[in-house]
Amino acid sequence: MIGIAYAMNAFIPLFIQCDSSDVAVVPQVKASHNKLPTFFVYDKYPGGIGLSEKVYDLWEDLLTKTQHHVINCPCEAGYPSCIGPQDSTMNVKRKVVKLLQLLNYHY
């Protein structure tokens, strides 16, 4: 989930015309309010300015673009311009692709 959040955070500014430091994506394996794996997208401005609401409306397209980027990235294990720095021995990129495929299947 961390790799997906990292990749999504890189694409959000392209979708909603903001700076990459304006929005954050935080994954939680077991969110406190629903006990399910959840991605939280929030504005980094106190009280928010509506950026995360725009992301909500574009969620399906964001997932698709993120999946396309990660699959087509030439790295084998992930690096900062893909899913972030990862331990190459854990096959993290393969797991990120699989989870993205599952998430996109539900849309």
PDB file of N, CA and C in Angstrom:
ATOM      1  N   MET A   1       0.826  -1.194   0.000  1.00  0.00           N
ATOM      2  CA  MET A   1       0.000   0.000   0.000  1.00  0.00           C
ATOM      3  C   MET A   1       0.871   1.259   0.000  1.00  0.00           C
ATOM      4  N   ILE A   2       2.024   1.181   0.629  1.00  0.00           N
ATOM      5  CA  ILE A   2       2.905   2.343   0.667  1.00  0.00           C
ATOM      6  C   ILE A   2       3.393   2.689  -0.736  1.00  0.00           C
ATOM      7  N   GLY A   3       3.740   1.683  -1.511  1.00  0.00           N
ATOM      8  CA  GLY A   3       4.185   1.917  -2.884  1.00  0.00           C
ATOM      9  C   GLY A   3       3.103   2.554  -3.742  1.00  0.00           C
ATOM     10  N   ILE A   4       1.861   2.120  -3.571  1.00  0.00           N
ATOM     11  CA  ILE A   4       0.744   2.707  -4.320  1.00  0.00           C
ATOM     12  C   ILE A   4       0.536   4.149  -3.892  1.00  0.00           C
ATOM     13  N   ALA A   5       0.555   4.392  -2.597  1.00  0.00           N
ATOM     14  CA  ALA A   5       0.377   5.757  -2.102  1.00  0.00           C
ATOM     15  C   ALA A   5       1.470   6.672  -2.635  1.00  0.00           C
ATOM     16  N   TYR A   6       2.688   6.178  -2.669  1.00  0.00           N
ATOM     17  CA  TYR A   6       3.813   6.959  -3.179  1.00  0.00           C
ATOM     18  C   TYR A   6       3.599   7.309  -4.650  1.00  0.00           C
ATOM     19  N   ALA A   7       3.223   6.320  -5.445  1.00  0.00           N
ATOM     20  CA  ALA A   7       3.005   6.553  -6.872  1.00  0.00           C
ATOM     21  C   ALA A   7       1.811   7.471  -7.113  1.00  0.00           C
ATOM     22  N   MET A   8       0.729   7.270  -6.380  1.00  0.00           N
ATOM     23  CA  MET A   8      -0.453   8.125  -6.523  1.00  0.00           C
ATOM     24  C   MET A   8      -0.124   9.575  -6.205  1.00  0.00           C
ATOM     25  N   ASN A   9       0.636   9.768  -5.149  1.00  0.00           N
ATOM     26  CA  ASN A   9       0.980  11.119  -4.733  1.00  0.00           C
ATOM     27  C   ASN A   9       1.744  11.861  -5.832  1.00  0.00           C
ATOM     28  N   ALA A  10       2.478  11.130  -6.643  1.00  0.00           N
ATOM     29  CA  ALA A  10       3.210  11.743  -7.748  1.00  0.00           C
ATOM     30  C   ALA A  10       2.269  12.177  -8.875  1.00  0.00           C
ATOM     31  N   PHE A  11       1.136  11.504  -9.034  1.00  0.00           N
ATOM     32  CA  PHE A  11       0.215  11.805 -10.132  1.00  0.00           C
ATOM     33  C   PHE A  11      -0.899  12.777  -9.769  1.00  0.00           C
ATOM     34  N   ILE A  12      -1.218  12.901  -8.529  1.00  0.00           N
ATOM     35  CA  ILE A  12      -2.316  13.783  -8.121  1.00  0.00           C
ATOM     36  C   ILE A  12      -2.153  15.205  -8.657  1.00  0.00           C
ATOM     37  N   PRO A  13      -0.963  15.804  -8.576  1.00  0.00           N
ATOM     38  CA  PRO A  13      -0.825  17.175  -9.101  1.00  0.00           C
ATOM     39  C   PRO A  13      -1.158  17.301 -10.588  1.00  0.00           C
ATOM     40  N   LEU A  14      -0.964  16.243 -11.345  1.00  0.00           N
ATOM     41  CA  LEU A  14      -1.310  16.275 -12.765  1.00  0.00           C
ATOM     42  C   LEU A  14      -2.816  16.282 -12.996  1.00  0.00           C
ATOM     43  N   PHE A  15      -3.551  15.681 -12.078  1.00  0.00           N
ATOM     44  CA  PHE A  15      -4.996  15.580 -12.211  1.00  0.00           C
ATOM     45  C   PHE A  15      -5.730  16.819 -11.704  1.00  0.00           C
ATOM     46  N   ILE A  16      -5.195  17.435 -10.644  1.00  0.00           N
ATOM     47  CA  ILE A  16      -5.952  18.540 -10.042  1.00  0.00           C
ATOM     48  C   ILE A  16      -5.200  19.875 -10.058  1.00  0.00           C
ATOM     49  N   GLN A  17      -4.116  19.951 -10.809  1.00  0.00           N
ATOM     50  CA  GLN A  17      -3.389  21.209 -10.987  1.00  0.00           C
ATOM     51  C   GLN A  17      -2.959  21.828  -9.662  1.00  0.00           C
ATOM     52  N   CYS A  18      -2.151  21.098  -8.916  1.00  0.00           N
ATOM     53  CA  CYS A  18      -1.630  21.611  -7.655  1.00  0.00           C
ATOM     54  C   CYS A  18      -0.161  21.229  -7.548  1.00  0.00           C
ATOM     55  N   ASP A  19       0.476  21.670  -6.519  1.00  0.00           N
ATOM     56  CA  ASP A  19       1.853  21.303  -6.247  1.00  0.00           C
ATOM     57  C   ASP A  19       1.874  19.967  -5.515  1.00  0.00           C
ATOM     58  N   SER A  20       2.928  19.206  -5.686  1.00  0.00           N
ATOM     59  CA  SER A  20       2.998  17.895  -5.029  1.00  0.00           C
ATOM     60  C   SER A  20       3.007  18.006  -3.503  1.00  0.00           C
ATOM     61  N   SER A  21       3.369  19.158  -2.982  1.00  0.00           N
ATOM     62  CA  SER A  21       3.379  19.331  -1.528  1.00  0.00           C
ATOM     63  C   SER A  21       2.023  19.783  -0.979  1.00  0.00           C
ATOM     64  N   ASP A  22       1.020  19.946  -1.848  1.00  0.00           N
ATOM     65  CA  ASP A  22      -0.302  20.408  -1.419  1.00  0.00           C
ATOM     66  C   ASP A  22      -1.212  19.286  -0.922  1.00  0.00           C
ATOM     67  N   VAL A  23      -0.919  18.051  -1.327  1.00  0.00           N
ATOM     68  CA  VAL A  23      -1.792  16.909  -1.032  1.00  0.00           C
ATOM     69  C   VAL A  23      -0.933  15.739  -0.570  1.00  0.00           C
ATOM     70  N   ALA A  24      -1.493  14.899   0.278  1.00  0.00           N
ATOM     71  CA  ALA A  24      -0.786  13.695   0.729  1.00  0.00           C
ATOM     72  C   ALA A  24      -1.720  12.489   0.644  1.00  0.00           C
ATOM     73  N   VAL A  25      -1.113  11.335   0.404  1.00  0.00           N
ATOM     74  CA  VAL A  25      -1.840  10.064   0.396  1.00  0.00           C
ATOM     75  C   VAL A  25      -1.239   9.215   1.508  1.00  0.00           C
ATOM     76  N   VAL A  26      -2.090   8.784   2.418  1.00  0.00           N
ATOM     77  CA  VAL A  26      -1.636   7.987   3.555  1.00  0.00           C
ATOM     78  C   VAL A  26      -2.387   6.656   3.549  1.00  0.00           C
ATOM     79  N   PRO A  27      -1.663   5.548   3.433  1.00  0.00           N
ATOM     80  CA  PRO A  27      -2.331   4.244   3.481  1.00  0.00           C
ATOM     81  C   PRO A  27      -2.405   3.723   4.912  1.00  0.00           C
ATOM     82  N   GLN A  28      -3.494   3.059   5.216  1.00  0.00           N
ATOM     83  CA  GLN A  28      -3.622   2.367   6.497  1.00  0.00           C
ATOM     84  C   GLN A  28      -4.146   0.963   6.221  1.00  0.00           C
ATOM     85  N   VAL A  29      -3.436  -0.012   6.718  1.00  0.00           N
ATOM     86  CA  VAL A  29      -3.822  -1.405   6.504  1.00  0.00           C
ATOM     87  C   VAL A  29      -5.139  -1.718   7.192  1.00  0.00           C
ATOM     88  N   LYS A  30      -5.362  -1.116   8.344  1.00  0.00           N
ATOM     89  CA  LYS A  30      -6.605  -1.334   9.090  1.00  0.00           C
ATOM     90  C   LYS A  30      -7.031   0.009   9.671  1.00  0.00           C
ATOM     91  N   ALA A  31      -7.789   0.755   8.889  1.00  0.00           N
ATOM     92  CA  ALA A  31      -8.220   2.085   9.310  1.00  0.00           C
ATOM     93  C   ALA A  31      -9.085   1.991  10.564  1.00  0.00           C
ATOM     94  N   SER A  32      -8.938   2.963  11.435  1.00  0.00           N
ATOM     95  CA  SER A  32      -9.637   2.908  12.719  1.00  0.00           C
ATOM     96  C   SER A  32     -11.156   3.018  12.594  1.00  0.00           C
ATOM     97  N   HIS A  33     -11.667   3.673  11.570  1.00  0.00           N
ATOM     98  CA  HIS A  33     -13.116   3.869  11.466  1.00  0.00           C
ATOM     99  C   HIS A  33     -13.852   2.741  10.749  1.00  0.00           C
ATOM    100  N   ASN A  34     -13.138   1.938   9.919  1.00  0.00           N
ATOM    101  CA  ASN A  34     -13.842   0.866   9.216  1.00  0.00           C
ATOM    102  C   ASN A  34     -13.122  -0.486   9.291  1.00  0.00           C
ATOM    103  N   LYS A  35     -11.947  -0.511   9.910  1.00  0.00           N
ATOM    104  CA  LYS A  35     -11.162  -1.739  10.090  1.00  0.00           C
ATOM    105  C   LYS A  35     -10.750  -2.383   8.768  1.00  0.00           C
ATOM    106  N   LEU A  36     -10.728  -1.603   7.680  1.00  0.00           N
ATOM    107  CA  LEU A  36     -10.364  -2.097   6.351  1.00  0.00           C
ATOM    108  C   LEU A  36      -9.145  -1.364   5.821  1.00  0.00           C
ATOM    109  N   PRO A  37      -8.437  -1.955   4.844  1.00  0.00           N
ATOM    110  CA  PRO A  37      -7.354  -1.229   4.194  1.00  0.00           C
ATOM    111  C   PRO A  37      -7.933   0.010   3.502  1.00  0.00           C
ATOM    112  N   THR A  38      -7.319   1.166   3.741  1.00  0.00           N
ATOM    113  CA  THR A  38      -7.869   2.428   3.260  1.00  0.00           C
ATOM    114  C   THR A  38      -6.753   3.376   2.842  1.00  0.00           C
ATOM    115  N   PHE A  39      -6.983   4.112   1.765  1.00  0.00           N
ATOM    116  CA  PHE A  39      -6.090   5.197   1.371  1.00  0.00           C
ATOM    117  C   PHE A  39      -6.768   6.501   1.755  1.00  0.00           C
ATOM    118  N   PHE A  40      -6.081   7.313   2.542  1.00  0.00           N
ATOM    119  CA  PHE A  40      -6.595   8.621   2.917  1.00  0.00           C
ATOM    120  C   PHE A  40      -5.868   9.671   2.079  1.00  0.00           C
ATOM    121  N   VAL A  41      -6.617  10.515   1.426  1.00  0.00           N
ATOM    122  CA  VAL A  41      -6.059  11.627   0.663  1.00  0.00           C
ATOM    123  C   VAL A  41      -6.498  12.892   1.377  1.00  0.00           C
ATOM    124  N   TYR A  42      -5.544  13.746   1.697  1.00  0.00           N
ATOM    125  CA  TYR A  42      -5.913  14.960   2.413  1.00  0.00           C
ATOM    126  C   TYR A  42      -5.110  16.164   1.930  1.00  0.00           C
ATOM    127  N   ASP A  43      -5.719  17.328   2.057  1.00  0.00           N
ATOM    128  CA  ASP A  43      -5.066  18.594   1.761  1.00  0.00           C
ATOM    129  C   ASP A  43      -4.072  18.872   2.882  1.00  0.00           C
ATOM    130  N   LYS A  44      -2.948  19.413   2.547  1.00  0.00           N
ATOM    131  CA  LYS A  44      -1.965  19.756   3.569  1.00  0.00           C
ATOM    132  C   LYS A  44      -2.159  21.177   4.094  1.00  0.00           C
ATOM    133  N   TYR A  45      -3.308  21.745   3.827  1.00  0.00           N
ATOM    134  CA  TYR A  45      -3.645  23.075   4.341  1.00  0.00           C
ATOM    135  C   TYR A  45      -4.591  22.917   5.525  1.00  0.00           C
ATOM    136  N   PRO A  46      -4.371  23.656   6.602  1.00  0.00           N
ATOM    137  CA  PRO A  46      -5.283  23.565   7.755  1.00  0.00           C
ATOM    138  C   PRO A  46      -6.730  23.824   7.328  1.00  0.00           C
ATOM    139  N   GLY A  47      -7.592  22.891   7.621  1.00  0.00           N
ATOM    140  CA  GLY A  47      -9.000  23.024   7.252  1.00  0.00           C
ATOM    141  C   GLY A  47      -9.299  22.584   5.832  1.00  0.00           C
ATOM    142  N   GLY A  48      -8.257  22.397   5.020  1.00  0.00           N
ATOM    143  CA  GLY A  48      -8.429  21.959   3.634  1.00  0.00           C
ATOM    144  C   GLY A  48      -8.911  23.063   2.718  1.00  0.00           C
ATOM    145  N   ILE A  49      -8.647  22.892   1.418  1.00  0.00           N
ATOM    146  CA  ILE A  49      -9.117  23.857   0.416  1.00  0.00           C
ATOM    147  C   ILE A  49      -9.837  23.147  -0.736  1.00  0.00           C
ATOM    148  N   GLY A  50     -10.221  21.897  -0.518  1.00  0.00           N
ATOM    149  CA  GLY A  50     -11.000  21.175  -1.513  1.00  0.00           C
ATOM    150  C   GLY A  50     -10.210  20.304  -2.475  1.00  0.00           C
ATOM    151  N   LEU A  51      -8.910  20.214  -2.300  1.00  0.00           N
ATOM    152  CA  LEU A  51      -8.106  19.409  -3.221  1.00  0.00           C
ATOM    153  C   LEU A  51      -8.422  17.918  -3.106  1.00  0.00           C
ATOM    154  N   SER A  52      -8.566  17.431  -1.894  1.00  0.00           N
ATOM    155  CA  SER A  52      -8.842  15.999  -1.715  1.00  0.00           C
ATOM    156  C   SER A  52     -10.214  15.620  -2.271  1.00  0.00           C
ATOM    157  N   GLU A  53     -11.157  16.550  -2.244  1.00  0.00           N
ATOM    158  CA  GLU A  53     -12.475  16.278  -2.838  1.00  0.00           C
ATOM    159  C   GLU A  53     -12.353  16.099  -4.349  1.00  0.00           C
ATOM    160  N   LYS A  54     -11.486  16.873  -4.970  1.00  0.00           N
ATOM    161  CA  LYS A  54     -11.252  16.720  -6.411  1.00  0.00           C
ATOM    162  C   LYS A  54     -10.655  15.353  -6.712  1.00  0.00           C
ATOM    163  N   VAL A  55      -9.751  14.892  -5.849  1.00  0.00           N
ATOM    164  CA  VAL A  55      -9.135  13.573  -6.041  1.00  0.00           C
ATOM    165  C   VAL A  55     -10.198  12.488  -5.936  1.00  0.00           C
ATOM    166  N   TYR A  56     -11.109  12.620  -5.004  1.00  0.00           N
ATOM    167  CA  TYR A  56     -12.179  11.637  -4.840  1.00  0.00           C
ATOM    168  C   TYR A  56     -12.965  11.477  -6.142  1.00  0.00           C
ATOM    169  N   ASP A  57     -13.267  12.590  -6.797  1.00  0.00           N
ATOM    170  CA  ASP A  57     -14.025  12.549  -8.043  1.00  0.00           C
ATOM    171  C   ASP A  57     -13.244  11.910  -9.190  1.00  0.00           C
ATOM    172  N   LEU A  58     -11.923  11.873  -9.084  1.00  0.00           N
ATOM    173  CA  LEU A  58     -11.063  11.343 -10.146  1.00  0.00           C
ATOM    174  C   LEU A  58     -10.400  10.023  -9.756  1.00  0.00           C
ATOM    175  N   TRP A  59     -10.887   9.400  -8.713  1.00  0.00           N
ATOM    176  CA  TRP A  59     -10.226   8.227  -8.128  1.00  0.00           C
ATOM    177  C   TRP A  59      -9.985   7.113  -9.141  1.00  0.00           C
ATOM    178  N   GLU A  60     -10.970   6.765  -9.927  1.00  0.00           N
ATOM    179  CA  GLU A  60     -10.821   5.667 -10.890  1.00  0.00           C
ATOM    180  C   GLU A  60      -9.731   5.978 -11.911  1.00  0.00           C
ATOM    181  N   ASP A  61      -9.733   7.191 -12.457  1.00  0.00           N
ATOM    182  CA  ASP A  61      -8.704   7.587 -13.418  1.00  0.00           C
ATOM    183  C   ASP A  61      -7.324   7.612 -12.768  1.00  0.00           C
ATOM    184  N   LEU A  62      -7.259   8.043 -11.528  1.00  0.00           N
ATOM    185  CA  LEU A  62      -5.990   8.075 -10.809  1.00  0.00           C
ATOM    186  C   LEU A  62      -5.439   6.664 -10.616  1.00  0.00           C
ATOM    187  N   LEU A  63      -6.294   5.726 -10.247  1.00  0.00           N
ATOM    188  CA  LEU A  63      -5.856   4.334 -10.094  1.00  0.00           C
ATOM    189  C   LEU A  63      -5.345   3.770 -11.417  1.00  0.00           C
ATOM    190  N   THR A  64      -6.056   4.042 -12.494  1.00  0.00           N
ATOM    191  CA  THR A  64      -5.662   3.542 -13.813  1.00  0.00           C
ATOM    192  C   THR A  64      -4.322   4.118 -14.241  1.00  0.00           C
ATOM    193  N   LYS A  65      -4.144   5.412 -14.085  1.00  0.00           N
ATOM    194  CA  LYS A  65      -2.886   6.060 -14.465  1.00  0.00           C
ATOM    195  C   LYS A  65      -1.739   5.553 -13.604  1.00  0.00           C
ATOM    196  N   THR A  66      -1.976   5.379 -12.335  1.00  0.00           N
ATOM    197  CA  THR A  66      -0.944   4.877 -11.431  1.00  0.00           C
ATOM    198  C   THR A  66      -0.540   3.465 -11.825  1.00  0.00           C
ATOM    199  N   GLN A  67      -1.523   2.622 -12.115  1.00  0.00           N
ATOM    200  CA  GLN A  67      -1.231   1.244 -12.532  1.00  0.00           C
ATOM    201  C   GLN A  67      -0.422   1.235 -13.820  1.00  0.00           C
ATOM    202  N   HIS A  68      -0.821   2.024 -14.781  1.00  0.00           N
ATOM    203  CA  HIS A  68      -0.115   2.083 -16.068  1.00  0.00           C
ATOM    204  C   HIS A  68       1.341   2.512 -15.850  1.00  0.00           C
ATOM    205  N   HIS A  69       1.553   3.518 -15.037  1.00  0.00           N
ATOM    206  CA  HIS A  69       2.907   4.007 -14.776  1.00  0.00           C
ATOM    207  C   HIS A  69       3.776   2.935 -14.123  1.00  0.00           C
ATOM    208  N   VAL A  70       3.261   2.300 -13.094  1.00  0.00           N
ATOM    209  CA  VAL A  70       4.051   1.308 -12.361  1.00  0.00           C
ATOM    210  C   VAL A  70       4.370   0.112 -13.248  1.00  0.00           C
ATOM    211  N   ILE A  71       3.395  -0.369 -14.002  1.00  0.00           N
ATOM    212  CA  ILE A  71       3.628  -1.520 -14.883  1.00  0.00           C
ATOM    213  C   ILE A  71       4.677  -1.193 -15.942  1.00  0.00           C
ATOM    214  N   ASN A  72       4.631   0.002 -16.495  1.00  0.00           N
ATOM    215  CA  ASN A  72       5.528   0.365 -17.586  1.00  0.00           C
ATOM    216  C   ASN A  72       6.854   0.964 -17.150  1.00  0.00           C
ATOM    217  N   CYS A  73       7.052   1.143 -15.875  1.00  0.00           N
ATOM    218  CA  CYS A  73       8.322   1.659 -15.374  1.00  0.00           C
ATOM    219  C   CYS A  73       9.405   0.594 -15.588  1.00  0.00           C
ATOM    220  N   PRO A  74      10.567   0.977 -16.097  1.00  0.00           N
ATOM    221  CA  PRO A  74      11.602  -0.019 -16.380  1.00  0.00           C
ATOM    222  C   PRO A  74      12.302  -0.594 -15.150  1.00  0.00           C
ATOM    223  N   CYS A  75      12.044  -0.035 -13.978  1.00  0.00           N
ATOM    224  CA  CYS A  75      12.708  -0.580 -12.788  1.00  0.00           C
ATOM    225  C   CYS A  75      12.175  -1.979 -12.489  1.00  0.00           C
ATOM    226  N   GLU A  76      12.981  -2.747 -11.787  1.00  0.00           N
ATOM    227  CA  GLU A  76      12.549  -4.091 -11.438  1.00  0.00           C
ATOM    228  C   GLU A  76      11.981  -4.179 -10.028  1.00  0.00           C
ATOM    229  N   ALA A  77      12.489  -3.331  -9.127  1.00  0.00           N
ATOM    230  CA  ALA A  77      12.087  -3.462  -7.732  1.00  0.00           C
ATOM    231  C   ALA A  77      11.466  -2.197  -7.160  1.00  0.00           C
ATOM    232  N   GLY A  78      11.466  -1.119  -7.910  1.00  0.00           N
ATOM    233  CA  GLY A  78      10.944   0.153  -7.412  1.00  0.00           C
ATOM    234  C   GLY A  78      12.077   1.104  -7.094  1.00  0.00           C
ATOM    235  N   TYR A  79      11.867   2.352  -7.409  1.00  0.00           N
ATOM    236  CA  TYR A  79      12.823   3.396  -7.055  1.00  0.00           C
ATOM    237  C   TYR A  79      12.055   4.703  -6.941  1.00  0.00           C
ATOM    238  N   PRO A  80      12.702   5.795  -6.511  1.00  0.00           N
ATOM    239  CA  PRO A  80      11.974   7.019  -6.170  1.00  0.00           C
ATOM    240  C   PRO A  80      11.011   7.573  -7.225  1.00  0.00           C
ATOM    241  N   SER A  81      11.241   7.363  -8.496  1.00  0.00           N
ATOM    242  CA  SER A  81      10.290   7.891  -9.477  1.00  0.00           C
ATOM    243  C   SER A  81       9.188   6.895  -9.826  1.00  0.00           C
ATOM    244  N   CYS A  82       9.125   5.804  -9.130  1.00  0.00           N
ATOM    245  CA  CYS A  82       8.094   4.787  -9.389  1.00  0.00           C
ATOM    246  C   CYS A  82       7.264   4.574  -8.120  1.00  0.00           C
ATOM    247  N   ILE A  83       7.648   3.609  -7.312  1.00  0.00           N
ATOM    248  CA  ILE A  83       6.908   3.303  -6.081  1.00  0.00           C
ATOM    249  C   ILE A  83       7.692   3.669  -4.829  1.00  0.00           C
ATOM    250  N   GLY A  84       8.745   4.432  -5.009  1.00  0.00           N
ATOM    251  CA  GLY A  84       9.572   4.827  -3.887  1.00  0.00           C
ATOM    252  C   GLY A  84      10.681   3.819  -3.664  1.00  0.00           C
ATOM    253  N   PRO A  85      11.645   4.173  -2.853  1.00  0.00           N
ATOM    254  CA  PRO A  85      12.748   3.244  -2.582  1.00  0.00           C
ATOM    255  C   PRO A  85      12.220   2.017  -1.844  1.00  0.00           C
ATOM    256  N   GLN A  86      12.575   0.865  -2.335  1.00  0.00           N
ATOM    257  CA  GLN A  86      12.086  -0.389  -1.759  1.00  0.00           C
ATOM    258  C   GLN A  86      13.236  -1.366  -1.589  1.00  0.00           C
ATOM    259  N   ASP A  87      13.043  -2.360  -0.770  1.00  0.00           N
ATOM    260  CA  ASP A  87      14.004  -3.442  -0.608  1.00  0.00           C
ATOM    261  C   ASP A  87      13.860  -4.362  -1.819  1.00  0.00           C
ATOM    262  N   SER A  88      14.873  -4.438  -2.644  1.00  0.00           N
ATOM    263  CA  SER A  88      14.784  -5.192  -3.892  1.00  0.00           C
ATOM    264  C   SER A  88      14.607  -6.691  -3.684  1.00  0.00           C
ATOM    265  N   THR A  89      14.873  -7.195  -2.501  1.00  0.00           N
ATOM    266  CA  THR A  89      14.740  -8.635  -2.258  1.00  0.00           C
ATOM    267  C   THR A  89      13.307  -9.047  -1.935  1.00  0.00           C
ATOM    268  N   MET A  90      12.406  -8.081  -1.778  1.00  0.00           N
ATOM    269  CA  MET A  90      11.039  -8.414  -1.343  1.00  0.00           C
ATOM    270  C   MET A  90      10.006  -8.412  -2.478  1.00  0.00           C
ATOM    271  N   ASN A  91      10.417  -8.191  -3.719  1.00  0.00           N
ATOM    272  CA  ASN A  91       9.488  -8.173  -4.853  1.00  0.00           C
ATOM    273  C   ASN A  91       8.319  -7.215  -4.638  1.00  0.00           C
ATOM    274  N   VAL A  92       8.613  -6.054  -4.082  1.00  0.00           N
ATOM    275  CA  VAL A  92       7.563  -5.096  -3.738  1.00  0.00           C
ATOM    276  C   VAL A  92       6.836  -4.599  -4.984  1.00  0.00           C
ATOM    277  N   LYS A  93       7.565  -4.313  -6.042  1.00  0.00           N
ATOM    278  CA  LYS A  93       6.916  -3.792  -7.245  1.00  0.00           C
ATOM    279  C   LYS A  93       5.868  -4.777  -7.773  1.00  0.00           C
ATOM    280  N   ARG A  94       6.202  -6.029  -7.782  1.00  0.00           N
ATOM    281  CA  ARG A  94       5.253  -7.053  -8.262  1.00  0.00           C
ATOM    282  C   ARG A  94       3.989  -7.042  -7.399  1.00  0.00           C
ATOM    283  N   LYS A  95       4.156  -6.872  -6.102  1.00  0.00           N
ATOM    284  CA  LYS A  95       3.016  -6.829  -5.183  1.00  0.00           C
ATOM    285  C   LYS A  95       2.189  -5.558  -5.381  1.00  0.00           C
ATOM    286  N   VAL A  96       2.862  -4.453  -5.652  1.00  0.00           N
ATOM    287  CA  VAL A  96       2.160  -3.191  -5.917  1.00  0.00           C
ATOM    288  C   VAL A  96       1.316  -3.330  -7.181  1.00  0.00           C
ATOM    289  N   VAL A  97       1.876  -3.914  -8.228  1.00  0.00           N
ATOM    290  CA  VAL A  97       1.132  -4.116  -9.476  1.00  0.00           C
ATOM    291  C   VAL A  97      -0.082  -5.003  -9.230  1.00  0.00           C
ATOM    292  N   LYS A  98       0.091  -6.070  -8.482  1.00  0.00           N
ATOM    293  CA  LYS A  98      -1.022  -6.986  -8.199  1.00  0.00           C
ATOM    294  C   LYS A  98      -2.139  -6.269  -7.441  1.00  0.00           C
ATOM    295  N   LEU A  99      -1.778  -5.483  -6.436  1.00  0.00           N
ATOM    296  CA  LEU A  99      -2.790  -4.756  -5.663  1.00  0.00           C
ATOM    297  C   LEU A  99      -3.484  -3.701  -6.525  1.00  0.00           C
ATOM    298  N   LEU A 100      -2.744  -3.012  -7.367  1.00  0.00           N
ATOM    299  CA  LEU A 100      -3.359  -2.040  -8.280  1.00  0.00           C
ATOM    300  C   LEU A 100      -4.345  -2.719  -9.232  1.00  0.00           C
ATOM    301  N   GLN A 101      -3.984  -3.896  -9.713  1.00  0.00           N
ATOM    302  CA  GLN A 101      -4.892  -4.634 -10.593  1.00  0.00           C
ATOM    303  C   GLN A 101      -6.179  -5.008  -9.859  1.00  0.00           C
ATOM    304  N   LEU A 102      -6.047  -5.420  -8.613  1.00  0.00           N
ATOM    305  CA  LEU A 102      -7.241  -5.748  -7.805  1.00  0.00           C
ATOM    306  C   LEU A 102      -8.098  -4.511  -7.561  1.00  0.00           C
ATOM    307  N   LEU A 103      -7.473  -3.406  -7.249  1.00  0.00           N
ATOM    308  CA  LEU A 103      -8.215  -2.164  -7.002  1.00  0.00           C
ATOM    309  C   LEU A 103      -8.925  -1.691  -8.279  1.00  0.00           C
ATOM    310  N   ASN A 104      -8.236  -1.774  -9.413  1.00  0.00           N
ATOM    311  CA  ASN A 104      -8.851  -1.353 -10.667  1.00  0.00           C
ATOM    312  C   ASN A 104      -9.963  -2.291 -11.115  1.00  0.00           C
ATOM    313  N   TYR A 105      -9.868  -3.559 -10.745  1.00  0.00           N
ATOM    314  CA  TYR A 105     -10.901  -4.526 -11.086  1.00  0.00           C
ATOM    315  C   TYR A 105     -12.239  -4.161 -10.451  1.00  0.00           C
ATOM    316  N   HIS A 106     -12.175  -3.576  -9.262  1.00  0.00           N
ATOM    317  CA  HIS A 106     -13.392  -3.217  -8.530  1.00  0.00           C
ATOM    318  C   HIS A 106     -14.057  -1.962  -9.066  1.00  0.00           C
ATOM    319  N   TYR A 107     -13.412  -1.269  -9.994  1.00  0.00           N
ATOM    320  CA  TYR A 107     -14.013  -0.065 -10.576  1.00  0.00           C
ATOM    321  C   TYR A 107     -14.421  -0.359 -11.951  1.00  0.00           C
TER     322      TYR A 107
END
